[in-house]
Amino acid sequence: MQLMKLLMTWNIVPGREQAYIEFNAKVFVPQLMQFGLQPMDSWFTLYGDVPQVTVGWVSDDVEVIRQAVASSEWAALVERLDDFVTDFEHRIVPVTGTFQM
């Protein structure tokens, strides 16, 4: 079975960095784990015209990811994330083993 990734990108709202870090540690990460996903990578971009944050969570069952992002829990989680970030995007991609955007 192909390992699949939920690839997400966003920019942190200036002045909300500390609140974002707390939300990420206490709410966002635990909820993704409850969905049955495992963290794979996390990137913070310091320079350039690309999203500031890129994260990837994986599953060996694409249906686990599809069900997660179709759930009301996902919608509520993303709505809460929107308090701390802008330009949130996500997509499901096969894991390539290299940096993915």
PDB file of N, CA and C in Angstrom:
ATOM      1  N   MET A   1       0.837  -1.185   0.000  1.00  0.00           N
ATOM      2  CA  MET A   1       0.000   0.000   0.000  1.00  0.00           C
ATOM      3  C   MET A   1       0.883   1.251   0.000  1.00  0.00           C
ATOM      4  N   GLN A   2       0.514   2.242  -0.776  1.00  0.00           N
ATOM      5  CA  GLN A   2       1.257   3.498  -0.901  1.00  0.00           C
ATOM      6  C   GLN A   2       1.044   4.371   0.340  1.00  0.00           C
ATOM      7  N   LEU A   3       2.124   4.839   0.933  1.00  0.00           N
ATOM      8  CA  LEU A   3       2.044   5.793   2.029  1.00  0.00           C
ATOM      9  C   LEU A   3       1.564   7.118   1.466  1.00  0.00           C
ATOM     10  N   MET A   4       0.521   7.692   2.096  1.00  0.00           N
ATOM     11  CA  MET A   4      -0.065   8.947   1.627  1.00  0.00           C
ATOM     12  C   MET A   4       0.119  10.029   2.690  1.00  0.00           C
ATOM     13  N   LYS A   5       0.175  11.275   2.201  1.00  0.00           N
ATOM     14  CA  LYS A   5       0.446  12.402   3.086  1.00  0.00           C
ATOM     15  C   LYS A   5      -0.650  13.451   2.981  1.00  0.00           C
ATOM     16  N   LEU A   6      -1.066  13.960   4.132  1.00  0.00           N
ATOM     17  CA  LEU A   6      -1.885  15.158   4.198  1.00  0.00           C
ATOM     18  C   LEU A   6      -0.897  16.306   4.301  1.00  0.00           C
ATOM     19  N   LEU A   7      -0.742  17.043   3.207  1.00  0.00           N
ATOM     20  CA  LEU A   7       0.228  18.131   3.119  1.00  0.00           C
ATOM     21  C   LEU A   7      -0.513  19.444   3.336  1.00  0.00           C
ATOM     22  N   MET A   8      -0.063  20.225   4.314  1.00  0.00           N
ATOM     23  CA  MET A   8      -0.728  21.482   4.670  1.00  0.00           C
ATOM     24  C   MET A   8       0.285  22.620   4.673  1.00  0.00           C
ATOM     25  N   THR A   9      -0.186  23.800   4.270  1.00  0.00           N
ATOM     26  CA  THR A   9       0.651  24.998   4.298  1.00  0.00           C
ATOM     27  C   THR A   9      -0.163  26.160   4.857  1.00  0.00           C
ATOM     28  N   TRP A  10       0.565  27.126   5.466  1.00  0.00           N
ATOM     29  CA  TRP A  10      -0.084  28.338   5.970  1.00  0.00           C
ATOM     30  C   TRP A  10       0.963  29.355   6.377  1.00  0.00           C
ATOM     31  N   ASN A  11       0.488  30.549   6.704  1.00  0.00           N
ATOM     32  CA  ASN A  11       1.313  31.623   7.252  1.00  0.00           C
ATOM     33  C   ASN A  11       0.755  31.980   8.627  1.00  0.00           C
ATOM     34  N   ILE A  12       1.628  32.210   9.571  1.00  0.00           N
ATOM     35  CA  ILE A  12       1.204  32.577  10.920  1.00  0.00           C
ATOM     36  C   ILE A  12       0.879  34.064  10.952  1.00  0.00           C
ATOM     37  N   VAL A  13      -0.241  34.410  11.582  1.00  0.00           N
ATOM     38  CA  VAL A  13      -0.646  35.806  11.710  1.00  0.00           C
ATOM     39  C   VAL A  13       0.378  36.527  12.592  1.00  0.00           C
ATOM     40  N   PRO A  14       0.947  37.627  12.103  1.00  0.00           N
ATOM     41  CA  PRO A  14       1.913  38.383  12.912  1.00  0.00           C
ATOM     42  C   PRO A  14       1.288  38.788  14.259  1.00  0.00           C
ATOM     43  N   GLY A  15       2.060  38.588  15.319  1.00  0.00           N
ATOM     44  CA  GLY A  15       1.589  38.901  16.657  1.00  0.00           C
ATOM     45  C   GLY A  15       0.832  37.770  17.331  1.00  0.00           C
ATOM     46  N   ARG A  16       0.552  36.695  16.600  1.00  0.00           N
ATOM     47  CA  ARG A  16      -0.193  35.548  17.153  1.00  0.00           C
ATOM     48  C   ARG A  16       0.707  34.320  17.309  1.00  0.00           C
ATOM     49  N   GLU A  17       2.012  34.509  17.201  1.00  0.00           N
ATOM     50  CA  GLU A  17       2.939  33.377  17.204  1.00  0.00           C
ATOM     51  C   GLU A  17       2.839  32.519  18.467  1.00  0.00           C
ATOM     52  N   GLN A  18       2.825  33.144  19.637  1.00  0.00           N
ATOM     53  CA  GLN A  18       2.776  32.380  20.892  1.00  0.00           C
ATOM     54  C   GLN A  18       1.453  31.624  21.020  1.00  0.00           C
ATOM     55  N   ALA A  19       0.361  32.293  20.698  1.00  0.00           N
ATOM     56  CA  ALA A  19      -0.947  31.630  20.756  1.00  0.00           C
ATOM     57  C   ALA A  19      -1.005  30.482  19.747  1.00  0.00           C
ATOM     58  N   TYR A  20      -0.406  30.672  18.579  1.00  0.00           N
ATOM     59  CA  TYR A  20      -0.354  29.621  17.565  1.00  0.00           C
ATOM     60  C   TYR A  20       0.415  28.408  18.087  1.00  0.00           C
ATOM     61  N   ILE A  21       1.567  28.645  18.690  1.00  0.00           N
ATOM     62  CA  ILE A  21       2.386  27.550  19.210  1.00  0.00           C
ATOM     63  C   ILE A  21       1.603  26.755  20.260  1.00  0.00           C
ATOM     64  N   GLU A  22       0.917  27.451  21.143  1.00  0.00           N
ATOM     65  CA  GLU A  22       0.115  26.771  22.171  1.00  0.00           C
ATOM     66  C   GLU A  22      -1.028  25.976  21.548  1.00  0.00           C
ATOM     67  N   PHE A  23      -1.745  26.574  20.603  1.00  0.00           N
ATOM     68  CA  PHE A  23      -2.829  25.874  19.925  1.00  0.00           C
ATOM     69  C   PHE A  23      -2.300  24.642  19.198  1.00  0.00           C
ATOM     70  N   ASN A  24      -1.197  24.788  18.517  1.00  0.00           N
ATOM     71  CA  ASN A  24      -0.611  23.683  17.772  1.00  0.00           C
ATOM     72  C   ASN A  24      -0.279  22.512  18.695  1.00  0.00           C
ATOM     73  N   ALA A  25       0.364  22.809  19.821  1.00  0.00           N
ATOM     74  CA  ALA A  25       0.794  21.754  20.743  1.00  0.00           C
ATOM     75  C   ALA A  25      -0.369  21.122  21.506  1.00  0.00           C
ATOM     76  N   LYS A  26      -1.334  21.929  21.909  1.00  0.00           N
ATOM     77  CA  LYS A  26      -2.400  21.439  22.782  1.00  0.00           C
ATOM     78  C   LYS A  26      -3.641  20.945  22.048  1.00  0.00           C
ATOM     79  N   VAL A  27      -3.873  21.439  20.825  1.00  0.00           N
ATOM     80  CA  VAL A  27      -5.113  21.107  20.124  1.00  0.00           C
ATOM     81  C   VAL A  27      -4.853  20.469  18.755  1.00  0.00           C
ATOM     82  N   PHE A  28      -4.118  21.167  17.897  1.00  0.00           N
ATOM     83  CA  PHE A  28      -3.972  20.743  16.505  1.00  0.00           C
ATOM     84  C   PHE A  28      -3.287  19.384  16.385  1.00  0.00           C
ATOM     85  N   VAL A  29      -2.118  19.258  16.963  1.00  0.00           N
ATOM     86  CA  VAL A  29      -1.371  17.998  16.870  1.00  0.00           C
ATOM     87  C   VAL A  29      -2.138  16.839  17.513  1.00  0.00           C
ATOM     88  N   PRO A  30      -2.666  16.989  18.735  1.00  0.00           N
ATOM     89  CA  PRO A  30      -3.429  15.874  19.305  1.00  0.00           C
ATOM     90  C   PRO A  30      -4.635  15.464  18.461  1.00  0.00           C
ATOM     91  N   GLN A  31      -5.320  16.431  17.838  1.00  0.00           N
ATOM     92  CA  GLN A  31      -6.479  16.083  17.017  1.00  0.00           C
ATOM     93  C   GLN A  31      -6.065  15.311  15.769  1.00  0.00           C
ATOM     94  N   LEU A  32      -4.975  15.712  15.136  1.00  0.00           N
ATOM     95  CA  LEU A  32      -4.502  14.966  13.971  1.00  0.00           C
ATOM     96  C   LEU A  32      -4.131  13.540  14.359  1.00  0.00           C
ATOM     97  N   MET A  33      -3.562  13.374  15.534  1.00  0.00           N
ATOM     98  CA  MET A  33      -3.231  12.022  16.001  1.00  0.00           C
ATOM     99  C   MET A  33      -4.505  11.217  16.278  1.00  0.00           C
ATOM    100  N   GLN A  34      -5.537  11.877  16.790  1.00  0.00           N
ATOM    101  CA  GLN A  34      -6.810  11.180  17.016  1.00  0.00           C
ATOM    102  C   GLN A  34      -7.440  10.727  15.704  1.00  0.00           C
ATOM    103  N   PHE A  35      -7.185  11.472  14.633  1.00  0.00           N
ATOM    104  CA  PHE A  35      -7.669  11.056  13.316  1.00  0.00           C
ATOM    105  C   PHE A  35      -6.961   9.795  12.829  1.00  0.00           C
ATOM    106  N   GLY A  36      -5.859   9.417  13.476  1.00  0.00           N
ATOM    107  CA  GLY A  36      -5.096   8.248  13.051  1.00  0.00           C
ATOM    108  C   GLY A  36      -3.927   8.580  12.148  1.00  0.00           C
ATOM    109  N   LEU A  37      -3.546   9.861  12.107  1.00  0.00           N
ATOM    110  CA  LEU A  37      -2.417  10.292  11.281  1.00  0.00           C
ATOM    111  C   LEU A  37      -1.150  10.363  12.114  1.00  0.00           C
ATOM    112  N   GLN A  38      -0.015  10.245  11.443  1.00  0.00           N
ATOM    113  CA  GLN A  38       1.281  10.316  12.103  1.00  0.00           C
ATOM    114  C   GLN A  38       2.094  11.466  11.492  1.00  0.00           C
ATOM    115  N   PRO A  39       2.786  12.230  12.339  1.00  0.00           N
ATOM    116  CA  PRO A  39       3.591  13.327  11.798  1.00  0.00           C
ATOM    117  C   PRO A  39       4.755  12.795  10.979  1.00  0.00           C
ATOM    118  N   MET A  40       5.039  13.473   9.870  1.00  0.00           N
ATOM    119  CA  MET A  40       6.170  13.070   9.042  1.00  0.00           C
ATOM    120  C   MET A  40       7.198  14.190   8.933  1.00  0.00           C
ATOM    121  N   ASP A  41       6.727  15.397   8.638  1.00  0.00           N
ATOM    122  CA  ASP A  41       7.680  16.485   8.488  1.00  0.00           C
ATOM    123  C   ASP A  41       7.020  17.819   8.814  1.00  0.00           C
ATOM    124  N   SER A  42       7.863  18.766   9.168  1.00  0.00           N
ATOM    125  CA  SER A  42       7.415  20.116   9.475  1.00  0.00           C
ATOM    126  C   SER A  42       8.529  21.066   9.069  1.00  0.00           C
ATOM    127  N   TRP A  43       8.176  22.078   8.267  1.00  0.00           N
ATOM    128  CA  TRP A  43       9.158  23.016   7.743  1.00  0.00           C
ATOM    129  C   TRP A  43       8.709  24.437   8.037  1.00  0.00           C
ATOM    130  N   PHE A  44       9.638  25.262   8.446  1.00  0.00           N
ATOM    131  CA  PHE A  44       9.382  26.680   8.672  1.00  0.00           C
ATOM    132  C   PHE A  44      10.280  27.461   7.730  1.00  0.00           C
ATOM    133  N   THR A  45       9.680  28.262   6.864  1.00  0.00           N
ATOM    134  CA  THR A  45      10.439  29.018   5.868  1.00  0.00           C
ATOM    135  C   THR A  45      10.735  30.411   6.399  1.00  0.00           C
ATOM    136  N   LEU A  46      11.995  30.779   6.412  1.00  0.00           N
ATOM    137  CA  LEU A  46      12.409  32.087   6.894  1.00  0.00           C
ATOM    138  C   LEU A  46      12.467  33.140   5.802  1.00  0.00           C
ATOM    139  N   TYR A  47      12.650  32.712   4.563  1.00  0.00           N
ATOM    140  CA  TYR A  47      12.841  33.676   3.478  1.00  0.00           C
ATOM    141  C   TYR A  47      12.247  33.132   2.186  1.00  0.00           C
ATOM    142  N   GLY A  48      11.587  34.000   1.448  1.00  0.00           N
ATOM    143  CA  GLY A  48      11.072  33.622   0.144  1.00  0.00           C
ATOM    144  C   GLY A  48       9.577  33.827   0.044  1.00  0.00           C
ATOM    145  N   ASP A  49       9.086  33.743  -1.151  1.00  0.00           N
ATOM    146  CA  ASP A  49       7.679  33.964  -1.433  1.00  0.00           C
ATOM    147  C   ASP A  49       6.945  32.618  -1.493  1.00  0.00           C
ATOM    148  N   VAL A  50       6.974  31.911  -0.378  1.00  0.00           N
ATOM    149  CA  VAL A  50       6.300  30.625  -0.227  1.00  0.00           C
ATOM    150  C   VAL A  50       5.621  30.610   1.135  1.00  0.00           C
ATOM    151  N   PRO A  51       4.724  29.652   1.378  1.00  0.00           N
ATOM    152  CA  PRO A  51       4.103  29.593   2.701  1.00  0.00           C
ATOM    153  C   PRO A  51       5.150  29.472   3.805  1.00  0.00           C
ATOM    154  N   GLN A  52       4.862  30.107   4.916  1.00  0.00           N
ATOM    155  CA  GLN A  52       5.775  30.115   6.061  1.00  0.00           C
ATOM    156  C   GLN A  52       5.901  28.725   6.690  1.00  0.00           C
ATOM    157  N   VAL A  53       4.796  27.990   6.763  1.00  0.00           N
ATOM    158  CA  VAL A  53       4.785  26.680   7.410  1.00  0.00           C
ATOM    159  C   VAL A  53       4.299  25.633   6.414  1.00  0.00           C
ATOM    160  N   THR A  54       5.013  24.522   6.359  1.00  0.00           N
ATOM    161  CA  THR A  54       4.613  23.355   5.575  1.00  0.00           C
ATOM    162  C   THR A  54       4.721  22.146   6.499  1.00  0.00           C
ATOM    163  N   VAL A  55       3.620  21.400   6.632  1.00  0.00           N
ATOM    164  CA  VAL A  55       3.636  20.207   7.478  1.00  0.00           C
ATOM    165  C   VAL A  55       3.016  19.038   6.732  1.00  0.00           C
ATOM    166  N   GLY A  56       3.484  17.855   7.060  1.00  0.00           N
ATOM    167  CA  GLY A  56       2.955  16.648   6.456  1.00  0.00           C
ATOM    168  C   GLY A  56       2.642  15.604   7.508  1.00  0.00           C
ATOM    169  N   TRP A  57       1.451  15.051   7.409  1.00  0.00           N
ATOM    170  CA  TRP A  57       1.007  13.956   8.277  1.00  0.00           C
ATOM    171  C   TRP A  57       0.652  12.784   7.378  1.00  0.00           C
ATOM    172  N   VAL A  58       1.006  11.571   7.780  1.00  0.00           N
ATOM    173  CA  VAL A  58       0.884  10.422   6.895  1.00  0.00           C
ATOM    174  C   VAL A  58      -0.006   9.323   7.448  1.00  0.00           C
ATOM    175  N   SER A  59      -0.444   8.492   6.503  1.00  0.00           N
ATOM    176  CA  SER A  59      -1.158   7.262   6.809  1.00  0.00           C
ATOM    177  C   SER A  59      -0.893   6.292   5.667  1.00  0.00           C
ATOM    178  N   ASP A  60      -0.898   5.005   5.971  1.00  0.00           N
ATOM    179  CA  ASP A  60      -0.747   4.016   4.901  1.00  0.00           C
ATOM    180  C   ASP A  60      -2.102   3.669   4.289  1.00  0.00           C
ATOM    181  N   ASP A  61      -3.158   4.348   4.757  1.00  0.00           N
ATOM    182  CA  ASP A  61      -4.504   4.153   4.227  1.00  0.00           C
ATOM    183  C   ASP A  61      -5.073   5.520   3.856  1.00  0.00           C
ATOM    184  N   VAL A  62      -5.168   5.802   2.567  1.00  0.00           N
ATOM    185  CA  VAL A  62      -5.647   7.110   2.113  1.00  0.00           C
ATOM    186  C   VAL A  62      -7.054   7.398   2.619  1.00  0.00           C
ATOM    187  N   GLU A  63      -7.848   6.356   2.870  1.00  0.00           N
ATOM    188  CA  GLU A  63      -9.210   6.567   3.367  1.00  0.00           C
ATOM    189  C   GLU A  63      -9.212   7.179   4.763  1.00  0.00           C
ATOM    190  N   VAL A  64      -8.198   6.893   5.560  1.00  0.00           N
ATOM    191  CA  VAL A  64      -8.083   7.523   6.882  1.00  0.00           C
ATOM    192  C   VAL A  64      -7.959   9.031   6.722  1.00  0.00           C
ATOM    193  N   ILE A  65      -7.144   9.459   5.773  1.00  0.00           N
ATOM    194  CA  ILE A  65      -6.967  10.897   5.528  1.00  0.00           C
ATOM    195  C   ILE A  65      -8.244  11.490   4.947  1.00  0.00           C
ATOM    196  N   ARG A  66      -8.830  10.827   3.974  1.00  0.00           N
ATOM    197  CA  ARG A  66     -10.056  11.346   3.347  1.00  0.00           C
ATOM    198  C   ARG A  66     -11.179  11.497   4.362  1.00  0.00           C
ATOM    199  N   GLN A  67     -11.338  10.502   5.222  1.00  0.00           N
ATOM    200  CA  GLN A  67     -12.388  10.580   6.239  1.00  0.00           C
ATOM    201  C   GLN A  67     -12.106  11.699   7.230  1.00  0.00           C
ATOM    202  N   ALA A  68     -10.844  11.879   7.572  1.00  0.00           N
ATOM    203  CA  ALA A  68     -10.487  12.948   8.511  1.00  0.00           C
ATOM    204  C   ALA A  68     -10.867  14.309   7.947  1.00  0.00           C
ATOM    205  N   VAL A  69     -10.459  14.596   6.708  1.00  0.00           N
ATOM    206  CA  VAL A  69     -10.701  15.933   6.146  1.00  0.00           C
ATOM    207  C   VAL A  69     -12.155  16.147   5.739  1.00  0.00           C
ATOM    208  N   ALA A  70     -12.946  15.095   5.699  1.00  0.00           N
ATOM    209  CA  ALA A  70     -14.374  15.222   5.401  1.00  0.00           C
ATOM    210  C   ALA A  70     -15.215  15.339   6.670  1.00  0.00           C
ATOM    211  N   SER A  71     -14.582  15.224   7.821  1.00  0.00           N
ATOM    212  CA  SER A  71     -15.328  15.175   9.085  1.00  0.00           C
ATOM    213  C   SER A  71     -15.670  16.564   9.619  1.00  0.00           C
ATOM    214  N   SER A  72     -16.680  16.606  10.465  1.00  0.00           N
ATOM    215  CA  SER A  72     -17.045  17.859  11.129  1.00  0.00           C
ATOM    216  C   SER A  72     -15.956  18.273  12.115  1.00  0.00           C
ATOM    217  N   GLU A  73     -15.229  17.303  12.668  1.00  0.00           N
ATOM    218  CA  GLU A  73     -14.118  17.615  13.572  1.00  0.00           C
ATOM    219  C   GLU A  73     -13.015  18.365  12.830  1.00  0.00           C
ATOM    220  N   TRP A  74     -12.747  17.967  11.585  1.00  0.00           N
ATOM    221  CA  TRP A  74     -11.746  18.654  10.759  1.00  0.00           C
ATOM    222  C   TRP A  74     -12.191  20.090  10.501  1.00  0.00           C
ATOM    223  N   ALA A  75     -13.453  20.248  10.112  1.00  0.00           N
ATOM    224  CA  ALA A  75     -13.969  21.589   9.830  1.00  0.00           C
ATOM    225  C   ALA A  75     -13.829  22.493  11.055  1.00  0.00           C
ATOM    226  N   ALA A  76     -14.143  21.976  12.225  1.00  0.00           N
ATOM    227  CA  ALA A  76     -14.014  22.761  13.459  1.00  0.00           C
ATOM    228  C   ALA A  76     -12.548  23.063  13.763  1.00  0.00           C
ATOM    229  N   LEU A  77     -11.676  22.096  13.526  1.00  0.00           N
ATOM    230  CA  LEU A  77     -10.245  22.285  13.771  1.00  0.00           C
ATOM    231  C   LEU A  77      -9.673  23.372  12.865  1.00  0.00           C
ATOM    232  N   VAL A  78     -10.006  23.331  11.593  1.00  0.00           N
ATOM    233  CA  VAL A  78      -9.513  24.329  10.643  1.00  0.00           C
ATOM    234  C   VAL A  78     -10.089  25.708  10.980  1.00  0.00           C
ATOM    235  N   GLU A  79     -11.332  25.746  11.410  1.00  0.00           N
ATOM    236  CA  GLU A  79     -11.926  27.021  11.810  1.00  0.00           C
ATOM    237  C   GLU A  79     -11.166  27.629  12.988  1.00  0.00           C
ATOM    238  N   ARG A  80     -10.782  26.797  13.936  1.00  0.00           N
ATOM    239  CA  ARG A  80      -9.989  27.288  15.070  1.00  0.00           C
ATOM    240  C   ARG A  80      -8.585  27.687  14.626  1.00  0.00           C
ATOM    241  N   LEU A  81      -7.995  26.924  13.715  1.00  0.00           N
ATOM    242  CA  LEU A  81      -6.669  27.251  13.195  1.00  0.00           C
ATOM    243  C   LEU A  81      -6.680  28.620  12.524  1.00  0.00           C
ATOM    244  N   ASP A  82      -7.783  28.955  11.883  1.00  0.00           N
ATOM    245  CA  ASP A  82      -7.899  30.241  11.183  1.00  0.00           C
ATOM    246  C   ASP A  82      -7.745  31.446  12.115  1.00  0.00           C
ATOM    247  N   ASP A  83      -7.856  31.238  13.425  1.00  0.00           N
ATOM    248  CA  ASP A  83      -7.609  32.324  14.381  1.00  0.00           C
ATOM    249  C   ASP A  83      -6.127  32.685  14.438  1.00  0.00           C
ATOM    250  N   PHE A  84      -5.277  31.794  13.972  1.00  0.00           N
ATOM    251  CA  PHE A  84      -3.830  31.955  14.123  1.00  0.00           C
ATOM    252  C   PHE A  84      -3.063  32.027  12.807  1.00  0.00           C
ATOM    253  N   VAL A  85      -3.708  31.619  11.708  1.00  0.00           N
ATOM    254  CA  VAL A  85      -2.997  31.539  10.427  1.00  0.00           C
ATOM    255  C   VAL A  85      -3.826  32.132   9.296  1.00  0.00           C
ATOM    256  N   THR A  86      -3.132  32.401   8.187  1.00  0.00           N
ATOM    257  CA  THR A  86      -3.783  32.798   6.943  1.00  0.00           C
ATOM    258  C   THR A  86      -3.322  31.864   5.837  1.00  0.00           C
ATOM    259  N   ASP A  87      -4.024  31.908   4.738  1.00  0.00           N
ATOM    260  CA  ASP A  87      -3.618  31.176   3.531  1.00  0.00           C
ATOM    261  C   ASP A  87      -3.508  29.667   3.745  1.00  0.00           C
ATOM    262  N   PHE A  88      -4.370  29.111   4.608  1.00  0.00           N
ATOM    263  CA  PHE A  88      -4.348  27.671   4.856  1.00  0.00           C
ATOM    264  C   PHE A  88      -4.754  26.914   3.598  1.00  0.00           C
ATOM    265  N   GLU A  89      -3.952  25.930   3.248  1.00  0.00           N
ATOM    266  CA  GLU A  89      -4.263  25.021   2.145  1.00  0.00           C
ATOM    267  C   GLU A  89      -3.879  23.608   2.548  1.00  0.00           C
ATOM    268  N   HIS A  90      -4.591  22.641   2.001  1.00  0.00           N
ATOM    269  CA  HIS A  90      -4.230  21.245   2.237  1.00  0.00           C
ATOM    270  C   HIS A  90      -4.530  20.425   0.985  1.00  0.00           C
ATOM    271  N   ARG A  91      -3.792  19.327   0.863  1.00  0.00           N
ATOM    272  CA  ARG A  91      -4.035  18.379  -0.214  1.00  0.00           C
ATOM    273  C   ARG A  91      -3.478  17.017   0.208  1.00  0.00           C
ATOM    274  N   ILE A  92      -3.959  16.007  -0.460  1.00  0.00           N
ATOM    275  CA  ILE A  92      -3.515  14.636  -0.196  1.00  0.00           C
ATOM    276  C   ILE A  92      -2.619  14.221  -1.353  1.00  0.00           C
ATOM    277  N   VAL A  93      -1.414  13.786  -1.010  1.00  0.00           N
ATOM    278  CA  VAL A  93      -0.427  13.431  -2.033  1.00  0.00           C
ATOM    279  C   VAL A  93       0.280  12.133  -1.632  1.00  0.00           C
ATOM    280  N   PRO A  94       0.802  11.396  -2.610  1.00  0.00           N
ATOM    281  CA  PRO A  94       1.639  10.238  -2.274  1.00  0.00           C
ATOM    282  C   PRO A  94       2.962  10.729  -1.676  1.00  0.00           C
ATOM    283  N   VAL A  95       3.489   9.988  -0.743  1.00  0.00           N
ATOM    284  CA  VAL A  95       4.789  10.328  -0.149  1.00  0.00           C
ATOM    285  C   VAL A  95       5.867  10.009  -1.166  1.00  0.00           C
ATOM    286  N   THR A  96       6.735  10.998  -1.414  1.00  0.00           N
ATOM    287  CA  THR A  96       7.805  10.794  -2.390  1.00  0.00           C
ATOM    288  C   THR A  96       9.157  10.566  -1.730  1.00  0.00           C
ATOM    289  N   GLY A  97       9.270  10.890  -0.444  1.00  0.00           N
ATOM    290  CA  GLY A  97      10.549  10.746   0.229  1.00  0.00           C
ATOM    291  C   GLY A  97      11.422  11.962   0.107  1.00  0.00           C
ATOM    292  N   THR A  98      10.947  12.991  -0.621  1.00  0.00           N
ATOM    293  CA  THR A  98      11.682  14.228  -0.746  1.00  0.00           C
ATOM    294  C   THR A  98      10.805  15.371  -0.246  1.00  0.00           C
ATOM    295  N   PHE A  99      11.401  16.575  -0.127  1.00  0.00           N
ATOM    296  CA  PHE A  99      10.631  17.743   0.279  1.00  0.00           C
ATOM    297  C   PHE A  99       9.475  17.952  -0.690  1.00  0.00           C
ATOM    298  N   GLN A 100       8.272  18.128  -0.145  1.00  0.00           N
ATOM    299  CA  GLN A 100       7.094  18.288  -0.987  1.00  0.00           C
ATOM    300  C   GLN A 100       6.415  19.623  -0.707  1.00  0.00           C
ATOM    301  N   MET A 101       5.947  20.259  -1.778  1.00  0.00           N
ATOM    302  CA  MET A 101       5.183  21.503  -1.637  1.00  0.00           C
ATOM    303  C   MET A 101       3.851  21.362  -2.325  1.00  0.00           C
TER     304      MET A 101
END
